[in-house]
């Protein structure tokens, strides 16, 4: 699942990943919408924007994890604070799970495969 409120980023990620037959993709523009969709169909991995309208990316990850609706998370963001690295560790994530925009899409693909492969 791709959770990003920016249409161009959301669709660019979708278009890239859709070229690979190994993924079934869902798109949402808000954390609230994502949680609703995940209750209908849980996901192996969620790519989550940090800054979302309403619930933030961190809040989404915390809730989705607590509710057991997504197994793995990748966070992508335009800005990063050192404390974010510490906060995501609470959710079992590492620096390898945080992608700073713009990032190398092949590196993202490799991390996705490592997590769900």
N, C-alpha and C. Protein backbone atom coordinates (compact mmCIF):
# COMPACT_ATOMS: atom_id res chain seq x y z
N UNK A 1 0.84 -1.17 0.00
CA UNK A 1 0.00 0.00 0.00
C UNK A 1 0.89 1.24 0.00
N UNK A 2 0.51 2.21 -0.80
CA UNK A 2 1.20 3.50 -0.85
C UNK A 2 0.27 4.53 -0.21
N UNK A 3 0.76 5.20 0.83
CA UNK A 3 -0.01 6.21 1.55
C UNK A 3 0.71 7.54 1.40
N UNK A 4 0.20 8.39 0.51
CA UNK A 4 0.82 9.69 0.27
C UNK A 4 -0.25 10.64 -0.23
N UNK A 5 -0.29 11.85 0.34
CA UNK A 5 -1.31 12.81 -0.06
C UNK A 5 -0.95 13.57 -1.34
N UNK A 6 0.30 13.45 -1.79
CA UNK A 6 0.71 14.12 -3.02
C UNK A 6 0.45 13.21 -4.21
N UNK A 7 -0.48 13.62 -5.06
CA UNK A 7 -0.91 12.82 -6.19
C UNK A 7 0.25 12.38 -7.07
N UNK A 8 1.12 13.31 -7.43
CA UNK A 8 2.22 12.97 -8.35
C UNK A 8 3.18 11.94 -7.76
N UNK A 9 3.48 12.06 -6.50
CA UNK A 9 4.38 11.10 -5.85
C UNK A 9 3.69 9.74 -5.74
N UNK A 10 2.45 9.76 -5.30
CA UNK A 10 1.69 8.52 -5.14
C UNK A 10 1.59 7.76 -6.46
N UNK A 11 1.25 8.47 -7.52
CA UNK A 11 1.08 7.80 -8.82
C UNK A 11 2.42 7.42 -9.44
N UNK A 12 3.48 8.20 -9.20
CA UNK A 12 4.80 7.84 -9.72
C UNK A 12 5.28 6.53 -9.09
N UNK A 13 5.11 6.41 -7.77
CA UNK A 13 5.47 5.16 -7.10
C UNK A 13 4.65 3.99 -7.64
N UNK A 14 3.37 4.23 -7.79
CA UNK A 14 2.49 3.19 -8.31
C UNK A 14 2.94 2.76 -9.71
N UNK A 15 3.17 3.73 -10.60
CA UNK A 15 3.55 3.42 -11.97
C UNK A 15 4.84 2.62 -12.02
N UNK A 16 5.81 2.99 -11.18
CA UNK A 16 7.07 2.25 -11.15
C UNK A 16 6.87 0.82 -10.65
N UNK A 17 6.23 0.68 -9.50
CA UNK A 17 6.06 -0.65 -8.89
C UNK A 17 5.10 -1.53 -9.67
N UNK A 18 4.18 -0.93 -10.39
CA UNK A 18 3.20 -1.68 -11.17
C UNK A 18 3.85 -2.43 -12.34
N UNK A 19 5.04 -2.00 -12.72
CA UNK A 19 5.76 -2.69 -13.80
C UNK A 19 6.26 -4.07 -13.36
N UNK A 20 6.25 -4.33 -12.07
CA UNK A 20 6.71 -5.61 -11.54
C UNK A 20 5.50 -6.45 -11.16
N UNK A 21 5.42 -7.63 -11.74
CA UNK A 21 4.27 -8.50 -11.52
C UNK A 21 4.18 -9.04 -10.10
N UNK A 22 5.21 -8.84 -9.31
CA UNK A 22 5.25 -9.42 -7.97
C UNK A 22 4.44 -8.64 -6.93
N UNK A 23 3.91 -7.47 -7.31
CA UNK A 23 3.20 -6.63 -6.35
C UNK A 23 1.74 -6.43 -6.74
N UNK A 24 0.90 -6.43 -5.73
CA UNK A 24 -0.49 -5.97 -5.87
C UNK A 24 -0.56 -4.68 -5.09
N UNK A 25 -0.89 -3.60 -5.75
CA UNK A 25 -0.77 -2.28 -5.14
C UNK A 25 -2.11 -1.64 -4.82
N UNK A 26 -2.14 -0.94 -3.70
CA UNK A 26 -3.27 -0.11 -3.31
C UNK A 26 -2.75 1.29 -3.04
N UNK A 27 -3.55 2.30 -3.38
CA UNK A 27 -3.18 3.69 -3.17
C UNK A 27 -4.18 4.37 -2.26
N UNK A 28 -3.67 5.18 -1.34
CA UNK A 28 -4.54 6.02 -0.53
C UNK A 28 -3.86 7.36 -0.32
N UNK A 29 -4.66 8.38 -0.06
CA UNK A 29 -4.09 9.71 0.12
C UNK A 29 -4.11 10.17 1.57
N UNK A 30 -4.62 9.35 2.47
CA UNK A 30 -4.62 9.71 3.89
C UNK A 30 -4.45 8.47 4.74
N UNK A 31 -3.96 8.68 5.95
CA UNK A 31 -3.78 7.58 6.90
C UNK A 31 -5.12 6.96 7.28
N UNK A 32 -6.11 7.81 7.44
CA UNK A 32 -7.44 7.33 7.81
C UNK A 32 -8.02 6.42 6.72
N UNK A 33 -7.88 6.84 5.48
CA UNK A 33 -8.35 6.02 4.36
C UNK A 33 -7.57 4.72 4.29
N UNK A 34 -6.27 4.79 4.54
CA UNK A 34 -5.43 3.59 4.50
C UNK A 34 -5.87 2.58 5.56
N UNK A 35 -6.12 3.04 6.78
CA UNK A 35 -6.57 2.12 7.83
C UNK A 35 -7.89 1.47 7.47
N UNK A 36 -8.79 2.25 6.89
CA UNK A 36 -10.07 1.69 6.46
C UNK A 36 -9.87 0.60 5.42
N UNK A 37 -9.02 0.85 4.44
CA UNK A 37 -8.74 -0.15 3.40
C UNK A 37 -8.04 -1.38 3.97
N UNK A 38 -7.11 -1.14 4.89
CA UNK A 38 -6.35 -2.25 5.47
C UNK A 38 -7.21 -3.18 6.32
N UNK A 39 -8.28 -2.66 6.88
CA UNK A 39 -9.20 -3.52 7.63
C UNK A 39 -9.95 -4.45 6.69
N UNK A 40 -10.15 -4.02 5.46
CA UNK A 40 -10.78 -4.87 4.44
C UNK A 40 -9.79 -5.86 3.86
N UNK A 41 -8.55 -5.38 3.66
CA UNK A 41 -7.52 -6.21 3.06
C UNK A 41 -6.15 -5.82 3.63
N UNK A 42 -5.64 -6.58 4.60
CA UNK A 42 -4.34 -6.27 5.19
C UNK A 42 -3.23 -6.31 4.13
N UNK A 43 -2.13 -5.63 4.42
CA UNK A 43 -1.02 -5.53 3.47
C UNK A 43 0.26 -6.10 4.07
N UNK A 44 1.13 -6.56 3.20
CA UNK A 44 2.45 -7.00 3.64
C UNK A 44 3.36 -5.82 3.94
N UNK A 45 3.17 -4.70 3.19
CA UNK A 45 4.05 -3.56 3.33
C UNK A 45 3.31 -2.28 2.99
N UNK A 46 3.58 -1.24 3.77
CA UNK A 46 3.02 0.09 3.51
C UNK A 46 4.16 1.09 3.34
N UNK A 47 4.12 1.83 2.25
CA UNK A 47 5.04 2.94 2.03
C UNK A 47 4.29 4.18 2.45
N UNK A 48 4.80 4.87 3.48
CA UNK A 48 4.04 5.91 4.16
C UNK A 48 4.77 7.24 4.12
N UNK A 49 4.06 8.28 3.69
CA UNK A 49 4.59 9.64 3.77
C UNK A 49 4.52 10.09 5.22
N UNK A 50 5.51 10.84 5.65
CA UNK A 50 5.55 11.33 7.02
C UNK A 50 4.49 12.38 7.29
N UNK A 51 4.37 13.32 6.37
CA UNK A 51 3.44 14.43 6.54
C UNK A 51 2.17 14.17 5.74
N UNK A 52 1.16 13.80 6.46
CA UNK A 52 -0.15 13.53 5.86
C UNK A 52 -1.17 14.46 6.49
N UNK A 53 -2.23 14.77 5.78
CA UNK A 53 -3.29 15.56 6.41
C UNK A 53 -3.98 14.72 7.48
N UNK A 54 -4.33 15.31 8.59
CA UNK A 54 -4.93 14.54 9.67
C UNK A 54 -3.86 13.76 10.41
N UNK A 55 -4.02 12.45 10.46
CA UNK A 55 -3.09 11.58 11.14
C UNK A 55 -1.73 11.58 10.43
N UNK A 56 -0.64 11.71 11.19
CA UNK A 56 0.69 11.71 10.59
C UNK A 56 1.12 10.29 10.22
N UNK A 57 2.19 10.21 9.46
CA UNK A 57 2.72 8.91 9.08
C UNK A 57 3.12 8.07 10.28
N UNK A 58 3.76 8.71 11.27
CA UNK A 58 4.14 7.97 12.49
C UNK A 58 2.91 7.44 13.22
N UNK A 59 1.89 8.27 13.34
CA UNK A 59 0.66 7.83 14.01
C UNK A 59 0.02 6.68 13.25
N UNK A 60 0.03 6.77 11.93
CA UNK A 60 -0.53 5.70 11.11
C UNK A 60 0.21 4.38 11.36
N UNK A 61 1.53 4.44 11.33
CA UNK A 61 2.33 3.23 11.54
C UNK A 61 2.02 2.62 12.90
N UNK A 62 1.96 3.46 13.91
CA UNK A 62 1.66 2.97 15.26
C UNK A 62 0.31 2.27 15.30
N UNK A 63 -0.72 2.88 14.71
CA UNK A 63 -2.05 2.28 14.73
C UNK A 63 -2.14 1.03 13.87
N UNK A 64 -1.56 1.09 12.68
CA UNK A 64 -1.62 -0.07 11.77
C UNK A 64 -0.89 -1.26 12.39
N UNK A 65 0.21 -1.00 13.05
CA UNK A 65 0.94 -2.07 13.72
C UNK A 65 0.12 -2.64 14.88
N UNK A 66 -0.44 -1.77 15.69
CA UNK A 66 -1.24 -2.21 16.84
C UNK A 66 -2.46 -3.02 16.40
N UNK A 67 -3.02 -2.66 15.26
CA UNK A 67 -4.20 -3.34 14.74
C UNK A 67 -3.85 -4.56 13.89
N UNK A 68 -2.58 -4.76 13.63
CA UNK A 68 -2.13 -5.93 12.88
C UNK A 68 -2.57 -5.96 11.43
N UNK A 69 -2.67 -4.79 10.80
CA UNK A 69 -3.18 -4.75 9.42
C UNK A 69 -2.08 -4.55 8.37
N UNK A 70 -0.84 -4.35 8.81
CA UNK A 70 0.29 -4.23 7.89
C UNK A 70 1.53 -4.78 8.59
N UNK A 71 2.28 -5.63 7.88
CA UNK A 71 3.44 -6.30 8.50
C UNK A 71 4.70 -5.45 8.51
N UNK A 72 4.94 -4.70 7.43
CA UNK A 72 6.18 -3.93 7.29
C UNK A 72 5.86 -2.51 6.84
N UNK A 73 6.76 -1.59 7.18
CA UNK A 73 6.56 -0.19 6.84
C UNK A 73 7.84 0.43 6.30
N UNK A 74 7.68 1.27 5.29
CA UNK A 74 8.75 2.12 4.82
C UNK A 74 8.22 3.54 4.90
N UNK A 75 9.05 4.41 5.44
CA UNK A 75 8.65 5.80 5.61
C UNK A 75 9.40 6.63 4.58
N UNK A 76 8.66 7.47 3.84
CA UNK A 76 9.36 8.38 2.94
C UNK A 76 8.92 9.80 3.27
N UNK A 77 9.90 10.69 3.27
CA UNK A 77 9.64 12.03 3.76
C UNK A 77 10.58 13.03 3.08
N UNK A 78 10.17 14.28 3.07
CA UNK A 78 10.98 15.34 2.50
C UNK A 78 11.94 15.95 3.50
N UNK A 79 11.67 15.78 4.77
CA UNK A 79 12.58 16.32 5.79
C UNK A 79 12.71 15.31 6.90
N UNK A 80 13.85 15.34 7.55
CA UNK A 80 14.11 14.34 8.57
C UNK A 80 14.74 15.01 9.80
N UNK A 81 14.32 14.56 10.92
CA UNK A 81 14.92 14.97 12.18
C UNK A 81 15.56 13.74 12.80
N UNK A 82 16.68 13.95 13.45
CA UNK A 82 17.40 12.82 14.05
C UNK A 82 16.50 12.04 15.01
N UNK A 83 15.61 12.73 15.73
CA UNK A 83 14.75 12.02 16.68
C UNK A 83 13.79 11.05 15.99
N UNK A 84 13.53 11.28 14.70
CA UNK A 84 12.66 10.36 13.97
C UNK A 84 13.27 8.96 13.92
N UNK A 85 14.57 8.89 13.73
CA UNK A 85 15.23 7.58 13.70
C UNK A 85 15.00 6.83 15.01
N UNK A 86 15.05 7.54 16.12
CA UNK A 86 14.82 6.92 17.42
C UNK A 86 13.37 6.49 17.56
N UNK A 87 12.45 7.33 17.09
CA UNK A 87 11.03 7.02 17.24
C UNK A 87 10.63 5.80 16.42
N UNK A 88 11.13 5.67 15.20
CA UNK A 88 10.72 4.54 14.38
C UNK A 88 11.29 3.21 14.87
N UNK A 89 12.37 3.28 15.63
CA UNK A 89 12.91 2.05 16.21
C UNK A 89 11.88 1.37 17.11
N UNK A 90 11.04 2.19 17.74
CA UNK A 90 9.98 1.63 18.59
C UNK A 90 9.04 0.73 17.79
N UNK A 91 8.96 0.97 16.49
CA UNK A 91 8.08 0.19 15.62
C UNK A 91 8.82 -0.91 14.88
N UNK A 92 10.08 -1.16 15.28
CA UNK A 92 10.86 -2.21 14.65
C UNK A 92 11.48 -1.79 13.33
N UNK A 93 11.52 -0.50 13.06
CA UNK A 93 12.10 0.00 11.81
C UNK A 93 13.53 0.46 12.05
N UNK A 94 14.31 0.51 10.99
CA UNK A 94 15.69 0.96 11.05
C UNK A 94 15.89 2.12 10.08
N UNK A 95 17.10 2.65 10.05
CA UNK A 95 17.43 3.71 9.08
C UNK A 95 17.19 3.24 7.65
N UNK A 96 17.33 1.95 7.41
CA UNK A 96 17.10 1.39 6.07
C UNK A 96 15.65 1.47 5.64
N UNK A 97 14.76 1.76 6.58
CA UNK A 97 13.33 1.83 6.28
C UNK A 97 12.85 3.27 6.09
N UNK A 98 13.78 4.23 6.12
CA UNK A 98 13.44 5.64 5.93
C UNK A 98 14.09 6.13 4.65
N UNK A 99 13.27 6.67 3.76
CA UNK A 99 13.75 7.17 2.48
C UNK A 99 13.48 8.66 2.40
N UNK A 100 14.55 9.42 2.19
CA UNK A 100 14.44 10.87 2.08
C UNK A 100 14.20 11.25 0.63
N UNK A 101 13.13 12.02 0.40
CA UNK A 101 12.81 12.48 -0.96
C UNK A 101 13.79 13.55 -1.39
N UNK A 102 14.27 13.52 -2.61
CA UNK A 102 14.13 12.42 -3.58
C UNK A 102 15.10 11.29 -3.23
N UNK A 103 14.74 10.09 -3.55
CA UNK A 103 15.58 8.93 -3.25
C UNK A 103 15.69 8.06 -4.49
N UNK A 104 16.66 7.16 -4.44
CA UNK A 104 16.87 6.24 -5.55
C UNK A 104 15.79 5.16 -5.51
N UNK A 105 14.98 5.12 -6.53
CA UNK A 105 13.84 4.20 -6.58
C UNK A 105 14.29 2.74 -6.58
N UNK A 106 15.46 2.46 -7.13
CA UNK A 106 15.97 1.09 -7.13
C UNK A 106 16.33 0.63 -5.72
N UNK A 107 16.80 1.56 -4.90
CA UNK A 107 17.10 1.25 -3.50
C UNK A 107 15.81 0.92 -2.75
N UNK A 108 14.76 1.68 -3.03
CA UNK A 108 13.45 1.41 -2.44
C UNK A 108 12.97 0.02 -2.86
N UNK A 109 13.07 -0.28 -4.13
CA UNK A 109 12.65 -1.59 -4.65
C UNK A 109 13.42 -2.72 -3.95
N UNK A 110 14.70 -2.55 -3.79
CA UNK A 110 15.51 -3.57 -3.12
C UNK A 110 15.07 -3.76 -1.68
N UNK A 111 14.74 -2.68 -0.99
CA UNK A 111 14.30 -2.80 0.41
C UNK A 111 12.93 -3.47 0.49
N UNK A 112 12.05 -3.15 -0.42
CA UNK A 112 10.73 -3.81 -0.47
C UNK A 112 10.92 -5.31 -0.63
N UNK A 113 11.75 -5.69 -1.58
CA UNK A 113 11.99 -7.12 -1.82
C UNK A 113 12.61 -7.80 -0.61
N UNK A 114 13.52 -7.10 0.06
CA UNK A 114 14.16 -7.68 1.25
C UNK A 114 13.15 -7.93 2.37
N UNK A 115 12.19 -7.03 2.50
CA UNK A 115 11.20 -7.16 3.58
C UNK A 115 10.12 -8.19 3.29
N UNK A 116 9.67 -8.27 2.05
CA UNK A 116 8.54 -9.16 1.77
C UNK A 116 8.93 -10.39 0.98
N UNK A 117 10.20 -10.46 0.58
CA UNK A 117 10.66 -11.58 -0.26
C UNK A 117 10.80 -12.82 0.47
